[in-house]
Amino acid sequence: MNSGNTPPQSRPAPDVPPTDKRKMALAGVLLAVPIVVLLWVPHYAKIEPRLFGFPFFFWYQFLWVFLCSGMTYAAFRLTLSARGKTTHKVGEDR
């Protein structure tokens, strides 16, 4: 029961900007791609082609370390831009 002192939970606070759902969806895709690709083991469980003597299996996974880092950073930046500008400073409680 609402006593009148607290705002209903269904409405966001007035100073919270709307979230761009397309950017958030794209950020989710960027985070899901490495998971799907690296769980699909038969795709990269092979020896050839070799790169500097390393079997494909190893250098392909090592390449994904850097790709995952880039995709995670891109998803982070997309999330920040999707949420828009806020009125509080970073680390400040509301």
PDB file of N, CA and C in Angstrom:
ATOM      1  N   MET A   1       0.847  -1.165   0.000  1.00  0.00           N
ATOM      2  CA  MET A   1       0.000   0.000   0.000  1.00  0.00           C
ATOM      3  C   MET A   1       0.898   1.235   0.000  1.00  0.00           C
ATOM      4  N   ASN A   2       0.625   2.193  -0.831  1.00  0.00           N
ATOM      5  CA  ASN A   2       1.414   3.408  -0.948  1.00  0.00           C
ATOM      6  C   ASN A   2       0.917   4.424   0.062  1.00  0.00           C
ATOM      7  N   SER A   3       1.817   4.898   0.940  1.00  0.00           N
ATOM      8  CA  SER A   3       1.430   5.847   1.980  1.00  0.00           C
ATOM      9  C   SER A   3       1.413   7.283   1.483  1.00  0.00           C
ATOM     10  N   GLY A   4       1.799   7.512   0.239  1.00  0.00           N
ATOM     11  CA  GLY A   4       1.798   8.858  -0.293  1.00  0.00           C
ATOM     12  C   GLY A   4       3.167   9.529  -0.232  1.00  0.00           C
ATOM     13  N   ASN A   5       4.087   8.988   0.576  1.00  0.00           N
ATOM     14  CA  ASN A   5       5.417   9.580   0.720  1.00  0.00           C
ATOM     15  C   ASN A   5       6.402   9.065  -0.313  1.00  0.00           C
ATOM     16  N   THR A   6       6.179   7.886  -0.831  1.00  0.00           N
ATOM     17  CA  THR A   6       7.117   7.305  -1.783  1.00  0.00           C
ATOM     18  C   THR A   6       6.509   7.301  -3.169  1.00  0.00           C
ATOM     19  N   PRO A   7       7.326   7.593  -4.192  1.00  0.00           N
ATOM     20  CA  PRO A   7       6.787   7.569  -5.555  1.00  0.00           C
ATOM     21  C   PRO A   7       6.536   6.130  -6.001  1.00  0.00           C
ATOM     22  N   PRO A   8       5.587   5.923  -6.893  1.00  0.00           N
ATOM     23  CA  PRO A   8       5.345   4.563  -7.408  1.00  0.00           C
ATOM     24  C   PRO A   8       6.596   4.029  -8.101  1.00  0.00           C
ATOM     25  N   GLN A   9       6.813   2.733  -8.031  1.00  0.00           N
ATOM     26  CA  GLN A   9       8.009   2.113  -8.583  1.00  0.00           C
ATOM     27  C   GLN A   9       7.994   2.047 -10.105  1.00  0.00           C
ATOM     28  N   SER A  10       6.839   2.231 -10.730  1.00  0.00           N
ATOM     29  CA  SER A  10       6.757   2.083 -12.174  1.00  0.00           C
ATOM     30  C   SER A  10       7.276   3.301 -12.934  1.00  0.00           C
ATOM     31  N   ARG A  11       7.357   4.459 -12.309  1.00  0.00           N
ATOM     32  CA  ARG A  11       7.826   5.663 -12.988  1.00  0.00           C
ATOM     33  C   ARG A  11       9.271   5.963 -12.610  1.00  0.00           C
ATOM     34  N   PRO A  12      10.122   6.294 -13.600  1.00  0.00           N
ATOM     35  CA  PRO A  12      11.496   6.678 -13.279  1.00  0.00           C
ATOM     36  C   PRO A  12      11.525   8.068 -12.653  1.00  0.00           C
ATOM     37  N   ALA A  13      12.609   8.366 -11.978  1.00  0.00           N
ATOM     38  CA  ALA A  13      12.778   9.690 -11.396  1.00  0.00           C
ATOM     39  C   ALA A  13      12.790  10.726 -12.525  1.00  0.00           C
ATOM     40  N   PRO A  14      12.321  11.944 -12.274  1.00  0.00           N
ATOM     41  CA  PRO A  14      12.233  12.930 -13.348  1.00  0.00           C
ATOM     42  C   PRO A  14      13.578  13.351 -13.935  1.00  0.00           C
ATOM     43  N   ASP A  15      14.687  13.219 -13.203  1.00  0.00           N
ATOM     44  CA  ASP A  15      15.986  13.639 -13.716  1.00  0.00           C
ATOM     45  C   ASP A  15      16.732  12.528 -14.453  1.00  0.00           C
ATOM     46  N   VAL A  16      16.096  11.374 -14.634  1.00  0.00           N
ATOM     47  CA  VAL A  16      16.728  10.267 -15.340  1.00  0.00           C
ATOM     48  C   VAL A  16      16.332  10.336 -16.815  1.00  0.00           C
ATOM     49  N   PRO A  17      17.320  10.491 -17.713  1.00  0.00           N
ATOM     50  CA  PRO A  17      16.977  10.571 -19.140  1.00  0.00           C
ATOM     51  C   PRO A  17      16.542   9.204 -19.674  1.00  0.00           C
ATOM     52  N   PRO A  18      15.774   9.190 -20.742  1.00  0.00           N
ATOM     53  CA  PRO A  18      15.362   7.897 -21.313  1.00  0.00           C
ATOM     54  C   PRO A  18      16.558   7.147 -21.904  1.00  0.00           C
ATOM     55  N   THR A  19      16.483   5.838 -21.886  1.00  0.00           N
ATOM     56  CA  THR A  19      17.552   4.990 -22.398  1.00  0.00           C
ATOM     57  C   THR A  19      17.274   4.624 -23.850  1.00  0.00           C
ATOM     58  N   ASP A  20      18.303   4.713 -24.689  1.00  0.00           N
ATOM     59  CA  ASP A  20      18.188   4.325 -26.094  1.00  0.00           C
ATOM     60  C   ASP A  20      18.267   2.798 -26.173  1.00  0.00           C
ATOM     61  N   LYS A  21      17.149   2.167 -26.403  1.00  0.00           N
ATOM     62  CA  LYS A  21      17.078   0.699 -26.380  1.00  0.00           C
ATOM     63  C   LYS A  21      17.839   0.058 -27.535  1.00  0.00           C
ATOM     64  N   ARG A  22      17.965   0.746 -28.670  1.00  0.00           N
ATOM     65  CA  ARG A  22      18.725   0.183 -29.793  1.00  0.00           C
ATOM     66  C   ARG A  22      20.205   0.070 -29.444  1.00  0.00           C
ATOM     67  N   LYS A  23      20.738   1.090 -28.790  1.00  0.00           N
ATOM     68  CA  LYS A  23      22.146   1.038 -28.385  1.00  0.00           C
ATOM     69  C   LYS A  23      22.369  -0.043 -27.330  1.00  0.00           C
ATOM     70  N   MET A  24      21.419  -0.191 -26.422  1.00  0.00           N
ATOM     71  CA  MET A  24      21.549  -1.230 -25.399  1.00  0.00           C
ATOM     72  C   MET A  24      21.484  -2.617 -26.026  1.00  0.00           C
ATOM     73  N   ALA A  25      20.627  -2.784 -27.034  1.00  0.00           N
ATOM     74  CA  ALA A  25      20.537  -4.076 -27.729  1.00  0.00           C
ATOM     75  C   ALA A  25      21.840  -4.370 -28.468  1.00  0.00           C
ATOM     76  N   LEU A  26      22.413  -3.351 -29.114  1.00  0.00           N
ATOM     77  CA  LEU A  26      23.682  -3.532 -29.810  1.00  0.00           C
ATOM     78  C   LEU A  26      24.801  -3.884 -28.824  1.00  0.00           C
ATOM     79  N   ALA A  27      24.786  -3.270 -27.659  1.00  0.00           N
ATOM     80  CA  ALA A  27      25.777  -3.600 -26.630  1.00  0.00           C
ATOM     81  C   ALA A  27      25.620  -5.060 -26.197  1.00  0.00           C
ATOM     82  N   GLY A  28      24.395  -5.521 -26.078  1.00  0.00           N
ATOM     83  CA  GLY A  28      24.147  -6.924 -25.724  1.00  0.00           C
ATOM     84  C   GLY A  28      24.658  -7.879 -26.791  1.00  0.00           C
ATOM     85  N   VAL A  29      24.473  -7.505 -28.043  1.00  0.00           N
ATOM     86  CA  VAL A  29      24.979  -8.337 -29.148  1.00  0.00           C
ATOM     87  C   VAL A  29      26.501  -8.381 -29.107  1.00  0.00           C
ATOM     88  N   LEU A  30      27.126  -7.223 -28.870  1.00  0.00           N
ATOM     89  CA  LEU A  30      28.595  -7.191 -28.796  1.00  0.00           C
ATOM     90  C   LEU A  30      29.127  -8.074 -27.674  1.00  0.00           C
ATOM     91  N   LEU A  31      28.384  -8.183 -26.591  1.00  0.00           N
ATOM     92  CA  LEU A  31      28.813  -9.051 -25.487  1.00  0.00           C
ATOM     93  C   LEU A  31      28.501 -10.521 -25.755  1.00  0.00           C
ATOM     94  N   ALA A  32      27.473 -10.789 -26.547  1.00  0.00           N
ATOM     95  CA  ALA A  32      27.070 -12.173 -26.810  1.00  0.00           C
ATOM     96  C   ALA A  32      27.905 -12.837 -27.906  1.00  0.00           C
ATOM     97  N   VAL A  33      28.414 -12.060 -28.852  1.00  0.00           N
ATOM     98  CA  VAL A  33      29.156 -12.635 -29.983  1.00  0.00           C
ATOM     99  C   VAL A  33      30.352 -13.477 -29.519  1.00  0.00           C
ATOM    100  N   PRO A  34      31.231 -12.971 -28.657  1.00  0.00           N
ATOM    101  CA  PRO A  34      32.364 -13.813 -28.243  1.00  0.00           C
ATOM    102  C   PRO A  34      31.936 -15.086 -27.512  1.00  0.00           C
ATOM    103  N   ILE A  35      30.868 -14.990 -26.745  1.00  0.00           N
ATOM    104  CA  ILE A  35      30.399 -16.175 -26.017  1.00  0.00           C
ATOM    105  C   ILE A  35      29.955 -17.253 -26.999  1.00  0.00           C
ATOM    106  N   VAL A  36      29.150 -16.856 -27.966  1.00  0.00           N
ATOM    107  CA  VAL A  36      28.638 -17.822 -28.947  1.00  0.00           C
ATOM    108  C   VAL A  36      29.777 -18.403 -29.777  1.00  0.00           C
ATOM    109  N   VAL A  37      30.665 -17.543 -30.264  1.00  0.00           N
ATOM    110  CA  VAL A  37      31.753 -17.999 -31.133  1.00  0.00           C
ATOM    111  C   VAL A  37      32.699 -18.943 -30.392  1.00  0.00           C
ATOM    112  N   LEU A  38      33.054 -18.603 -29.160  1.00  0.00           N
ATOM    113  CA  LEU A  38      34.008 -19.446 -28.431  1.00  0.00           C
ATOM    114  C   LEU A  38      33.382 -20.715 -27.865  1.00  0.00           C
ATOM    115  N   LEU A  39      32.065 -20.757 -27.737  1.00  0.00           N
ATOM    116  CA  LEU A  39      31.416 -22.008 -27.317  1.00  0.00           C
ATOM    117  C   LEU A  39      31.206 -22.963 -28.486  1.00  0.00           C
ATOM    118  N   TRP A  40      31.361 -22.471 -29.682  1.00  0.00           N
ATOM    119  CA  TRP A  40      31.227 -23.301 -30.882  1.00  0.00           C
ATOM    120  C   TRP A  40      32.596 -23.908 -31.194  1.00  0.00           C
ATOM    121  N   VAL A  41      33.023 -24.869 -30.381  1.00  0.00           N
ATOM    122  CA  VAL A  41      34.369 -25.452 -30.441  1.00  0.00           C
ATOM    123  C   VAL A  41      34.683 -26.154 -31.758  1.00  0.00           C
ATOM    124  N   PRO A  42      33.775 -26.922 -32.367  1.00  0.00           N
ATOM    125  CA  PRO A  42      34.136 -27.590 -33.629  1.00  0.00           C
ATOM    126  C   PRO A  42      34.583 -26.621 -34.728  1.00  0.00           C
ATOM    127  N   HIS A  43      34.183 -25.375 -34.612  1.00  0.00           N
ATOM    128  CA  HIS A  43      34.571 -24.365 -35.592  1.00  0.00           C
ATOM    129  C   HIS A  43      36.085 -24.113 -35.595  1.00  0.00           C
ATOM    130  N   TYR A  44      36.717 -24.178 -34.426  1.00  0.00           N
ATOM    131  CA  TYR A  44      38.141 -23.845 -34.350  1.00  0.00           C
ATOM    132  C   TYR A  44      39.008 -24.962 -33.768  1.00  0.00           C
ATOM    133  N   ALA A  45      38.466 -26.140 -33.580  1.00  0.00           N
ATOM    134  CA  ALA A  45      39.237 -27.255 -33.031  1.00  0.00           C
ATOM    135  C   ALA A  45      39.988 -27.968 -34.160  1.00  0.00           C
ATOM    136  N   LYS A  46      41.006 -27.294 -34.682  1.00  0.00           N
ATOM    137  CA  LYS A  46      41.810 -27.869 -35.756  1.00  0.00           C
ATOM    138  C   LYS A  46      43.241 -27.342 -35.661  1.00  0.00           C
ATOM    139  N   ILE A  47      44.128 -27.953 -36.378  1.00  0.00           N
ATOM    140  CA  ILE A  47      45.540 -27.595 -36.310  1.00  0.00           C
ATOM    141  C   ILE A  47      45.926 -26.581 -37.382  1.00  0.00           C
ATOM    142  N   GLU A  48      45.403 -26.757 -38.577  1.00  0.00           N
ATOM    143  CA  GLU A  48      45.755 -25.864 -39.689  1.00  0.00           C
ATOM    144  C   GLU A  48      44.713 -24.772 -39.839  1.00  0.00           C
ATOM    145  N   PRO A  49      45.062 -23.609 -40.260  1.00  0.00           N
ATOM    146  CA  PRO A  49      46.365 -23.090 -40.659  1.00  0.00           C
ATOM    147  C   PRO A  49      47.203 -22.690 -39.436  1.00  0.00           C
ATOM    148  N   ARG A  50      48.470 -22.845 -39.566  1.00  0.00           N
ATOM    149  CA  ARG A  50      49.393 -22.467 -38.493  1.00  0.00           C
ATOM    150  C   ARG A  50      49.828 -21.015 -38.681  1.00  0.00           C
ATOM    151  N   LEU A  51      50.119 -20.363 -37.575  1.00  0.00           N
ATOM    152  CA  LEU A  51      50.609 -18.990 -37.596  1.00  0.00           C
ATOM    153  C   LEU A  51      51.858 -18.939 -36.726  1.00  0.00           C
ATOM    154  N   PHE A  52      53.009 -18.709 -37.357  1.00  0.00           N
ATOM    155  CA  PHE A  52      54.311 -18.706 -36.665  1.00  0.00           C
ATOM    156  C   PHE A  52      54.539 -20.007 -35.907  1.00  0.00           C
ATOM    157  N   GLY A  53      54.071 -21.111 -36.447  1.00  0.00           N
ATOM    158  CA  GLY A  53      54.255 -22.423 -35.840  1.00  0.00           C
ATOM    159  C   GLY A  53      53.183 -22.812 -34.839  1.00  0.00           C
ATOM    160  N   PHE A  54      52.292 -21.898 -34.491  1.00  0.00           N
ATOM    161  CA  PHE A  54      51.231 -22.200 -33.533  1.00  0.00           C
ATOM    162  C   PHE A  54      50.017 -22.757 -34.264  1.00  0.00           C
ATOM    163  N   PRO A  55      49.449 -23.847 -33.740  1.00  0.00           N
ATOM    164  CA  PRO A  55      48.236 -24.394 -34.354  1.00  0.00           C
ATOM    165  C   PRO A  55      47.077 -23.388 -34.298  1.00  0.00           C
ATOM    166  N   PHE A  56      46.169 -23.525 -35.236  1.00  0.00           N
ATOM    167  CA  PHE A  56      45.025 -22.624 -35.339  1.00  0.00           C
ATOM    168  C   PHE A  56      44.276 -22.503 -34.022  1.00  0.00           C
ATOM    169  N   PHE A  57      44.072 -23.614 -33.335  1.00  0.00           N
ATOM    170  CA  PHE A  57      43.327 -23.632 -32.079  1.00  0.00           C
ATOM    171  C   PHE A  57      43.861 -22.602 -31.097  1.00  0.00           C
ATOM    172  N   PHE A  58      45.184 -22.544 -30.958  1.00  0.00           N
ATOM    173  CA  PHE A  58      45.773 -21.650 -29.965  1.00  0.00           C
ATOM    174  C   PHE A  58      45.761 -20.193 -30.409  1.00  0.00           C
ATOM    175  N   TRP A  59      46.188 -19.894 -31.635  1.00  0.00           N
ATOM    176  CA  TRP A  59      46.249 -18.498 -32.022  1.00  0.00           C
ATOM    177  C   TRP A  59      44.862 -17.892 -32.223  1.00  0.00           C
ATOM    178  N   TYR A  60      43.895 -18.724 -32.578  1.00  0.00           N
ATOM    179  CA  TYR A  60      42.523 -18.238 -32.733  1.00  0.00           C
ATOM    180  C   TYR A  60      41.962 -17.806 -31.381  1.00  0.00           C
ATOM    181  N   GLN A  61      42.175 -18.607 -30.345  1.00  0.00           N
ATOM    182  CA  GLN A  61      41.705 -18.241 -29.014  1.00  0.00           C
ATOM    183  C   GLN A  61      42.437 -17.010 -28.491  1.00  0.00           C
ATOM    184  N   PHE A  62      43.726 -16.929 -28.759  1.00  0.00           N
ATOM    185  CA  PHE A  62      44.495 -15.762 -28.316  1.00  0.00           C
ATOM    186  C   PHE A  62      44.014 -14.496 -29.035  1.00  0.00           C
ATOM    187  N   LEU A  63      43.671 -14.598 -30.284  1.00  0.00           N
ATOM    188  CA  LEU A  63      43.127 -13.468 -31.021  1.00  0.00           C
ATOM    189  C   LEU A  63      41.832 -12.974 -30.378  1.00  0.00           C
ATOM    190  N   TRP A  64      41.025 -13.907 -29.907  1.00  0.00           N
ATOM    191  CA  TRP A  64      39.754 -13.528 -29.285  1.00  0.00           C
ATOM    192  C   TRP A  64      39.937 -12.808 -27.954  1.00  0.00           C
ATOM    193  N   VAL A  65      41.083 -12.955 -27.304  1.00  0.00           N
ATOM    194  CA  VAL A  65      41.351 -12.179 -26.085  1.00  0.00           C
ATOM    195  C   VAL A  65      41.272 -10.692 -26.422  1.00  0.00           C
ATOM    196  N   PHE A  66      41.914 -10.296 -27.511  1.00  0.00           N
ATOM    197  CA  PHE A  66      41.912  -8.890 -27.912  1.00  0.00           C
ATOM    198  C   PHE A  66      40.563  -8.468 -28.490  1.00  0.00           C
ATOM    199  N   LEU A  67      39.943  -9.353 -29.260  1.00  0.00           N
ATOM    200  CA  LEU A  67      38.623  -9.034 -29.816  1.00  0.00           C
ATOM    201  C   LEU A  67      37.581  -8.863 -28.704  1.00  0.00           C
ATOM    202  N   CYS A  68      37.629  -9.724 -27.703  1.00  0.00           N
ATOM    203  CA  CYS A  68      36.689  -9.621 -26.582  1.00  0.00           C
ATOM    204  C   CYS A  68      36.907  -8.320 -25.810  1.00  0.00           C
ATOM    205  N   SER A  69      38.159  -7.942 -25.634  1.00  0.00           N
ATOM    206  CA  SER A  69      38.443  -6.684 -24.944  1.00  0.00           C
ATOM    207  C   SER A  69      37.857  -5.507 -25.710  1.00  0.00           C
ATOM    208  N   GLY A  70      38.058  -5.496 -27.018  1.00  0.00           N
ATOM    209  CA  GLY A  70      37.519  -4.417 -27.831  1.00  0.00           C
ATOM    210  C   GLY A  70      36.005  -4.389 -27.827  1.00  0.00           C
ATOM    211  N   MET A  71      35.392  -5.550 -27.917  1.00  0.00           N
ATOM    212  CA  MET A  71      33.930  -5.612 -27.926  1.00  0.00           C
ATOM    213  C   MET A  71      33.342  -5.216 -26.572  1.00  0.00           C
ATOM    214  N   THR A  72      34.003  -5.596 -25.494  1.00  0.00           N
ATOM    215  CA  THR A  72      33.532  -5.218 -24.167  1.00  0.00           C
ATOM    216  C   THR A  72      33.632  -3.708 -23.975  1.00  0.00           C
ATOM    217  N   TYR A  73      34.740  -3.117 -24.432  1.00  0.00           N
ATOM    218  CA  TYR A  73      34.890  -1.665 -24.324  1.00  0.00           C
ATOM    219  C   TYR A  73      33.844  -0.952 -25.185  1.00  0.00           C
ATOM    220  N   ALA A  74      33.608  -1.445 -26.380  1.00  0.00           N
ATOM    221  CA  ALA A  74      32.601  -0.840 -27.251  1.00  0.00           C
ATOM    222  C   ALA A  74      31.208  -0.943 -26.621  1.00  0.00           C
ATOM    223  N   ALA A  75      30.900  -2.073 -26.005  1.00  0.00           N
ATOM    224  CA  ALA A  75      29.607  -2.239 -25.337  1.00  0.00           C
ATOM    225  C   ALA A  75      29.489  -1.283 -24.148  1.00  0.00           C
ATOM    226  N   PHE A  76      30.572  -1.081 -23.430  1.00  0.00           N
ATOM    227  CA  PHE A  76      30.590  -0.148 -22.308  1.00  0.00           C
ATOM    228  C   PHE A  76      30.308   1.274 -22.791  1.00  0.00           C
ATOM    229  N   ARG A  77      30.984   1.682 -23.858  1.00  0.00           N
ATOM    230  CA  ARG A  77      30.785   3.031 -24.396  1.00  0.00           C
ATOM    231  C   ARG A  77      29.358   3.199 -24.939  1.00  0.00           C
ATOM    232  N   LEU A  78      28.842   2.173 -25.592  1.00  0.00           N
ATOM    233  CA  LEU A  78      27.459   2.228 -26.082  1.00  0.00           C
ATOM    234  C   LEU A  78      26.465   2.364 -24.930  1.00  0.00           C
ATOM    235  N   THR A  79      26.712   1.639 -23.856  1.00  0.00           N
ATOM    236  CA  THR A  79      25.834   1.704 -22.692  1.00  0.00           C
ATOM    237  C   THR A  79      25.848   3.101 -22.090  1.00  0.00           C
ATOM    238  N   LEU A  80      27.039   3.687 -21.989  1.00  0.00           N
ATOM    239  CA  LEU A  80      27.119   5.044 -21.458  1.00  0.00           C
ATOM    240  C   LEU A  80      26.368   6.029 -22.344  1.00  0.00           C
ATOM    241  N   SER A  81      26.546   5.918 -23.647  1.00  0.00           N
ATOM    242  CA  SER A  81      25.872   6.862 -24.541  1.00  0.00           C
ATOM    243  C   SER A  81      24.370   6.595 -24.603  1.00  0.00           C
ATOM    244  N   ALA A  82      23.950   5.357 -24.409  1.00  0.00           N
ATOM    245  CA  ALA A  82      22.522   5.032 -24.442  1.00  0.00           C
ATOM    246  C   ALA A  82      21.795   5.620 -23.239  1.00  0.00           C
ATOM    247  N   ARG A  83      22.489   5.718 -22.141  1.00  0.00           N
ATOM    248  CA  ARG A  83      21.864   6.253 -20.926  1.00  0.00           C
ATOM    249  C   ARG A  83      21.823   7.775 -20.920  1.00  0.00           C
ATOM    250  N   GLY A  84      22.615   8.380 -21.776  1.00  0.00           N
ATOM    251  CA  GLY A  84      22.585   9.836 -21.876  1.00  0.00           C
ATOM    252  C   GLY A  84      23.288  10.520 -20.728  1.00  0.00           C
ATOM    253  N   LYS A  85      23.153  11.805 -20.684  1.00  0.00           N
ATOM    254  CA  LYS A  85      23.784  12.609 -19.625  1.00  0.00           C
ATOM    255  C   LYS A  85      22.947  12.517 -18.364  1.00  0.00           C
ATOM    256  N   THR A  86      23.630  12.456 -17.233  1.00  0.00           N
ATOM    257  CA  THR A  86      22.945  12.434 -15.946  1.00  0.00           C
ATOM    258  C   THR A  86      23.333  13.681 -15.170  1.00  0.00           C
ATOM    259  N   THR A  87      22.596  13.961 -14.140  1.00  0.00           N
ATOM    260  CA  THR A  87      22.846  15.160 -13.354  1.00  0.00           C
ATOM    261  C   THR A  87      23.799  14.915 -12.192  1.00  0.00           C
ATOM    262  N   HIS A  88      24.172  13.670 -11.943  1.00  0.00           N
ATOM    263  CA  HIS A  88      25.086  13.391 -10.832  1.00  0.00           C
ATOM    264  C   HIS A  88      26.472  13.039 -11.358  1.00  0.00           C
ATOM    265  N   LYS A  89      27.458  13.183 -10.495  1.00  0.00           N
ATOM    266  CA  LYS A  89      28.836  12.893 -10.866  1.00  0.00           C
ATOM    267  C   LYS A  89      29.133  11.402 -10.667  1.00  0.00           C
ATOM    268  N   VAL A  90      30.165  10.931 -11.329  1.00  0.00           N
ATOM    269  CA  VAL A  90      30.555   9.522 -11.222  1.00  0.00           C
ATOM    270  C   VAL A  90      30.941   9.230  -9.766  1.00  0.00           C
ATOM    271  N   GLY A  91      30.402   8.141  -9.233  1.00  0.00           N
ATOM    272  CA  GLY A  91      30.702   7.742  -7.867  1.00  0.00           C
ATOM    273  C   GLY A  91      29.816   8.412  -6.834  1.00  0.00           C
ATOM    274  N   GLU A  92      29.002   9.335  -7.241  1.00  0.00           N
ATOM    275  CA  GLU A  92      28.138  10.050  -6.307  1.00  0.00           C
ATOM    276  C   GLU A  92      26.817   9.297  -6.161  1.00  0.00           C
ATOM    277  N   ASP A  93      26.399   9.084  -4.926  1.00  0.00           N
ATOM    278  CA  ASP A  93      25.102   8.439  -4.690  1.00  0.00           C
ATOM    279  C   ASP A  93      23.993   9.431  -4.950  1.00  0.00           C
ATOM    280  N   ARG A  94      22.865   8.907  -5.351  1.00  0.00           N
ATOM    281  CA  ARG A  94      21.706   9.781  -5.608  1.00  0.00           C
ATOM    282  C   ARG A  94      20.958  10.045  -4.359  1.00  0.00           C
TER     283      ARG A  94
END
